[in-house]
């Protein structure tokens, strides 16, 4: 009997975790599909600056403000692959290196990892877990640094 209860609890926990993840996951902003290449470059640069500003201030955020910052970053990280579509590779005047489009799967995997970090940030903010919140910020920061080292012109 106790083993059955343990299995049932584990299955229920896994189901709740899967539903929680689904509730946090975002869709790419549909407005991106109608943007010109230049508009996509402008939008991604603005979103990167927005994320940078949020990261600078995130350590001092709590409660609803921390959750809102996480939501914004989740959406931005979700949008980034669409904002780096093939048509944007020829737009000059930005710091995106050609390696982005040569290894697009590896490049977009970094955004997925960053989005996971932002999701962890949100969960920690919602629960008030300061240690997990700080760890999530470190993960996001390291992921941003990884991308900038590999795919951004100096």
C-alpha atoms as a PDB file:
ATOM      1  CA  UNK A   1       0.000   0.000   0.000  1.00  0.00           C
ATOM      2  CA  UNK A   2       2.648   2.633   0.888  1.00  0.00           C
ATOM      3  CA  UNK A   3       4.470   1.914  -2.389  1.00  0.00           C
ATOM      4  CA  UNK A   4       1.289   2.530  -4.396  1.00  0.00           C
ATOM      5  CA  UNK A   5       0.738   5.783  -2.545  1.00  0.00           C
ATOM      6  CA  UNK A   6       4.331   6.796  -3.307  1.00  0.00           C
ATOM      7  CA  UNK A   7       3.874   6.051  -7.018  1.00  0.00           C
ATOM      8  CA  UNK A   8       0.559   7.912  -7.123  1.00  0.00           C
ATOM      9  CA  UNK A   9       2.138  10.918  -5.409  1.00  0.00           C
ATOM     10  CA  UNK A  10       5.071  10.897  -7.814  1.00  0.00           C
ATOM     11  CA  UNK A  11       2.787  10.712 -10.847  1.00  0.00           C
ATOM     12  CA  UNK A  12       0.595  13.515  -9.499  1.00  0.00           C
ATOM     13  CA  UNK A  13       3.683  15.629  -8.811  1.00  0.00           C
ATOM     14  CA  UNK A  14       5.010  15.070 -12.322  1.00  0.00           C
ATOM     15  CA  UNK A  15       1.650  16.034 -13.796  1.00  0.00           C
ATOM     16  CA  UNK A  16       1.510  19.243 -11.738  1.00  0.00           C
ATOM     17  CA  UNK A  17       5.067  20.110 -12.790  1.00  0.00           C
ATOM     18  CA  UNK A  18       4.252  19.536 -16.451  1.00  0.00           C
ATOM     19  CA  UNK A  19       1.120  21.673 -16.233  1.00  0.00           C
ATOM     20  CA  UNK A  20       3.019  24.406 -14.388  1.00  0.00           C
ATOM     21  CA  UNK A  21       5.671  24.481 -17.103  1.00  0.00           C
ATOM     22  CA  UNK A  22       3.003  24.676 -19.783  1.00  0.00           C
ATOM     23  CA  UNK A  23       1.347  27.578 -18.002  1.00  0.00           C
ATOM     24  CA  UNK A  24       4.634  29.507 -17.919  1.00  0.00           C
ATOM     25  CA  UNK A  25       5.712  28.755 -21.490  1.00  0.00           C
ATOM     26  CA  UNK A  26       5.233  31.567 -23.970  1.00  0.00           C
ATOM     27  CA  UNK A  27       4.450  31.804 -27.664  1.00  0.00           C
ATOM     28  CA  UNK A  28       6.400  33.957 -30.079  1.00  0.00           C
ATOM     29  CA  UNK A  29       4.791  37.362 -30.491  1.00  0.00           C
ATOM     30  CA  UNK A  30       2.700  37.101 -33.702  1.00  0.00           C
ATOM     31  CA  UNK A  31       3.548  40.698 -34.650  1.00  0.00           C
ATOM     32  CA  UNK A  32       7.080  39.556 -35.518  1.00  0.00           C
ATOM     33  CA  UNK A  33       5.803  37.743 -38.616  1.00  0.00           C
ATOM     34  CA  UNK A  34       4.805  41.065 -40.183  1.00  0.00           C
ATOM     35  CA  UNK A  35       8.034  42.897 -39.428  1.00  0.00           C
ATOM     36  CA  UNK A  36      10.649  43.899 -41.961  1.00  0.00           C
ATOM     37  CA  UNK A  37      14.209  42.712 -41.426  1.00  0.00           C
ATOM     38  CA  UNK A  38      15.203  46.139 -40.096  1.00  0.00           C
ATOM     39  CA  UNK A  39      12.255  46.175 -37.700  1.00  0.00           C
ATOM     40  CA  UNK A  40      13.317  42.757 -36.380  1.00  0.00           C
ATOM     41  CA  UNK A  41      16.868  44.001 -35.804  1.00  0.00           C
ATOM     42  CA  UNK A  42      15.543  47.097 -34.045  1.00  0.00           C
ATOM     43  CA  UNK A  43      13.148  44.995 -31.943  1.00  0.00           C
ATOM     44  CA  UNK A  44      15.832  42.512 -30.887  1.00  0.00           C
ATOM     45  CA  UNK A  45      18.237  45.309 -29.960  1.00  0.00           C
ATOM     46  CA  UNK A  46      15.516  46.980 -27.868  1.00  0.00           C
ATOM     47  CA  UNK A  47      14.647  43.656 -26.190  1.00  0.00           C
ATOM     48  CA  UNK A  48      18.319  42.971 -25.415  1.00  0.00           C
ATOM     49  CA  UNK A  49      18.630  46.418 -23.806  1.00  0.00           C
ATOM     50  CA  UNK A  50      15.408  45.798 -21.908  1.00  0.00           C
ATOM     51  CA  UNK A  51      16.707  42.459 -20.603  1.00  0.00           C
ATOM     52  CA  UNK A  52      20.000  44.082 -19.634  1.00  0.00           C
ATOM     53  CA  UNK A  53      18.203  46.766 -17.663  1.00  0.00           C
ATOM     54  CA  UNK A  54      16.018  44.205 -15.965  1.00  0.00           C
ATOM     55  CA  UNK A  55      19.050  42.120 -15.028  1.00  0.00           C
ATOM     56  CA  UNK A  56      20.798  45.155 -13.524  1.00  0.00           C
ATOM     57  CA  UNK A  57      17.825  45.821 -11.274  1.00  0.00           C
ATOM     58  CA  UNK A  58      16.516  42.289 -10.739  1.00  0.00           C
ATOM     59  CA  UNK A  59      18.511  41.669  -7.574  1.00  0.00           C
ATOM     60  CA  UNK A  60      16.526  44.373  -5.816  1.00  0.00           C
ATOM     61  CA  UNK A  61      13.117  43.244  -7.039  1.00  0.00           C
ATOM     62  CA  UNK A  62      10.644  41.187  -5.036  1.00  0.00           C
ATOM     63  CA  UNK A  63       7.075  39.987  -5.354  1.00  0.00           C
ATOM     64  CA  UNK A  64       5.023  41.171  -8.310  1.00  0.00           C
ATOM     65  CA  UNK A  65       7.863  43.335  -9.651  1.00  0.00           C
ATOM     66  CA  UNK A  66      10.214  40.337  -9.806  1.00  0.00           C
ATOM     67  CA  UNK A  67       7.522  38.212 -11.458  1.00  0.00           C
ATOM     68  CA  UNK A  68       6.853  40.934 -14.049  1.00  0.00           C
ATOM     69  CA  UNK A  69      10.576  41.199 -14.831  1.00  0.00           C
ATOM     70  CA  UNK A  70      10.771  37.433 -15.278  1.00  0.00           C
ATOM     71  CA  UNK A  71       7.694  37.439 -17.535  1.00  0.00           C
ATOM     72  CA  UNK A  72       9.258  40.124 -19.733  1.00  0.00           C
ATOM     73  CA  UNK A  73      12.515  38.199 -20.032  1.00  0.00           C
ATOM     74  CA  UNK A  74      10.704  34.932 -20.781  1.00  0.00           C
ATOM     75  CA  UNK A  75       8.842  36.642 -23.622  1.00  0.00           C
ATOM     76  CA  UNK A  76      11.984  38.304 -24.971  1.00  0.00           C
ATOM     77  CA  UNK A  77      13.990  35.061 -24.911  1.00  0.00           C
ATOM     78  CA  UNK A  78      11.083  33.307 -26.636  1.00  0.00           C
ATOM     79  CA  UNK A  79      10.963  35.985 -29.351  1.00  0.00           C
ATOM     80  CA  UNK A  80      14.696  36.189 -30.047  1.00  0.00           C
ATOM     81  CA  UNK A  81      14.989  33.267 -32.506  1.00  0.00           C
ATOM     82  CA  UNK A  82      12.253  34.802 -34.697  1.00  0.00           C
ATOM     83  CA  UNK A  83      13.982  38.183 -34.460  1.00  0.00           C
ATOM     84  CA  UNK A  84      17.163  36.592 -35.845  1.00  0.00           C
ATOM     85  CA  UNK A  85      15.452  35.146 -38.924  1.00  0.00           C
ATOM     86  CA  UNK A  86      17.516  34.632 -42.102  1.00  0.00           C
ATOM     87  CA  UNK A  87      16.384  37.914 -43.627  1.00  0.00           C
ATOM     88  CA  UNK A  88      18.074  39.832 -40.797  1.00  0.00           C
ATOM     89  CA  UNK A  89      21.541  38.444 -41.545  1.00  0.00           C
ATOM     90  CA  UNK A  90      22.104  41.038 -44.278  1.00  0.00           C
ATOM     91  CA  UNK A  91      21.062  44.049 -42.174  1.00  0.00           C
ATOM     92  CA  UNK A  92      24.155  46.079 -41.431  1.00  0.00           C
ATOM     93  CA  UNK A  93      25.017  48.208 -38.460  1.00  0.00           C
ATOM     94  CA  UNK A  94      24.376  45.646 -35.759  1.00  0.00           C
ATOM     95  CA  UNK A  95      26.647  43.408 -33.698  1.00  0.00           C
ATOM     96  CA  UNK A  96      25.267  40.029 -34.804  1.00  0.00           C
ATOM     97  CA  UNK A  97      28.015  37.771 -36.140  1.00  0.00           C
ATOM     98  CA  UNK A  98      27.487  35.508 -39.190  1.00  0.00           C
ATOM     99  CA  UNK A  99      28.080  32.469 -36.940  1.00  0.00           C
ATOM    100  CA  UNK A 100      24.521  32.934 -35.715  1.00  0.00           C
ATOM    101  CA  UNK A 101      23.049  31.739 -38.996  1.00  0.00           C
ATOM    102  CA  UNK A 102      25.798  29.172 -39.604  1.00  0.00           C
ATOM    103  CA  UNK A 103      24.973  27.433 -36.299  1.00  0.00           C
ATOM    104  CA  UNK A 104      21.393  28.561 -35.723  1.00  0.00           C
ATOM    105  CA  UNK A 105      20.357  25.502 -33.688  1.00  0.00           C
ATOM    106  CA  UNK A 106      23.185  26.016 -31.186  1.00  0.00           C
ATOM    107  CA  UNK A 107      22.456  29.735 -31.130  1.00  0.00           C
ATOM    108  CA  UNK A 108      18.748  29.297 -30.404  1.00  0.00           C
ATOM    109  CA  UNK A 109      19.489  26.638 -27.772  1.00  0.00           C
ATOM    110  CA  UNK A 110      21.120  29.410 -25.745  1.00  0.00           C
ATOM    111  CA  UNK A 111      17.842  31.362 -25.785  1.00  0.00           C
ATOM    112  CA  UNK A 112      15.977  28.252 -24.640  1.00  0.00           C
ATOM    113  CA  UNK A 113      18.409  27.889 -21.741  1.00  0.00           C
ATOM    114  CA  UNK A 114      17.979  31.566 -20.855  1.00  0.00           C
ATOM    115  CA  UNK A 115      14.184  31.231 -21.006  1.00  0.00           C
ATOM    116  CA  UNK A 116      14.423  28.257 -18.633  1.00  0.00           C
ATOM    117  CA  UNK A 117      16.464  30.440 -16.280  1.00  0.00           C
ATOM    118  CA  UNK A 118      13.850  33.190 -16.485  1.00  0.00           C
ATOM    119  CA  UNK A 119      11.128  30.620 -15.777  1.00  0.00           C
ATOM    120  CA  UNK A 120      13.075  29.508 -12.698  1.00  0.00           C
ATOM    121  CA  UNK A 121      13.379  33.179 -11.735  1.00  0.00           C
ATOM    122  CA  UNK A 122       9.612  33.564 -11.977  1.00  0.00           C
ATOM    123  CA  UNK A 123       8.877  30.446  -9.940  1.00  0.00           C
ATOM    124  CA  UNK A 124      11.340  31.576  -7.263  1.00  0.00           C
ATOM    125  CA  UNK A 125       9.854  35.084  -7.205  1.00  0.00           C
ATOM    126  CA  UNK A 126       6.344  33.693  -6.875  1.00  0.00           C
ATOM    127  CA  UNK A 127       7.353  31.465  -3.973  1.00  0.00           C
ATOM    128  CA  UNK A 128       9.570  34.048  -2.274  1.00  0.00           C
ATOM    129  CA  UNK A 129      12.640  31.784  -2.474  1.00  0.00           C
ATOM    130  CA  UNK A 130      15.458  34.353  -2.465  1.00  0.00           C
ATOM    131  CA  UNK A 131      18.216  31.746  -2.872  1.00  0.00           C
ATOM    132  CA  UNK A 132      16.581  30.169  -5.931  1.00  0.00           C
ATOM    133  CA  UNK A 133      15.863  33.636  -7.327  1.00  0.00           C
ATOM    134  CA  UNK A 134      19.530  34.599  -7.014  1.00  0.00           C
ATOM    135  CA  UNK A 135      20.629  31.319  -8.578  1.00  0.00           C
ATOM    136  CA  UNK A 136      18.278  31.899 -11.514  1.00  0.00           C
ATOM    137  CA  UNK A 137      19.728  35.373 -12.053  1.00  0.00           C
ATOM    138  CA  UNK A 138      23.228  33.895 -12.143  1.00  0.00           C
ATOM    139  CA  UNK A 139      22.105  31.311 -14.692  1.00  0.00           C
ATOM    140  CA  UNK A 140      20.554  33.973 -16.919  1.00  0.00           C
ATOM    141  CA  UNK A 141      23.623  36.198 -16.645  1.00  0.00           C
ATOM    142  CA  UNK A 142      25.972  33.370 -17.537  1.00  0.00           C
ATOM    143  CA  UNK A 143      23.796  32.403 -20.482  1.00  0.00           C
ATOM    144  CA  UNK A 144      23.729  35.974 -21.787  1.00  0.00           C
ATOM    145  CA  UNK A 145      27.505  36.102 -21.461  1.00  0.00           C
ATOM    146  CA  UNK A 146      27.878  32.806 -23.323  1.00  0.00           C
ATOM    147  CA  UNK A 147      25.832  34.120 -26.234  1.00  0.00           C
ATOM    148  CA  UNK A 148      27.604  37.470 -26.380  1.00  0.00           C
ATOM    149  CA  UNK A 149      31.039  35.821 -26.364  1.00  0.00           C
ATOM    150  CA  UNK A 150      30.175  33.526 -29.235  1.00  0.00           C
ATOM    151  CA  UNK A 151      27.766  35.495 -31.395  1.00  0.00           C
ATOM    152  CA  UNK A 152      28.233  39.222 -30.774  1.00  0.00           C
ATOM    153  CA  UNK A 153      30.845  41.457 -32.355  1.00  0.00           C
ATOM    154  CA  UNK A 154      32.854  43.424 -29.838  1.00  0.00           C
END
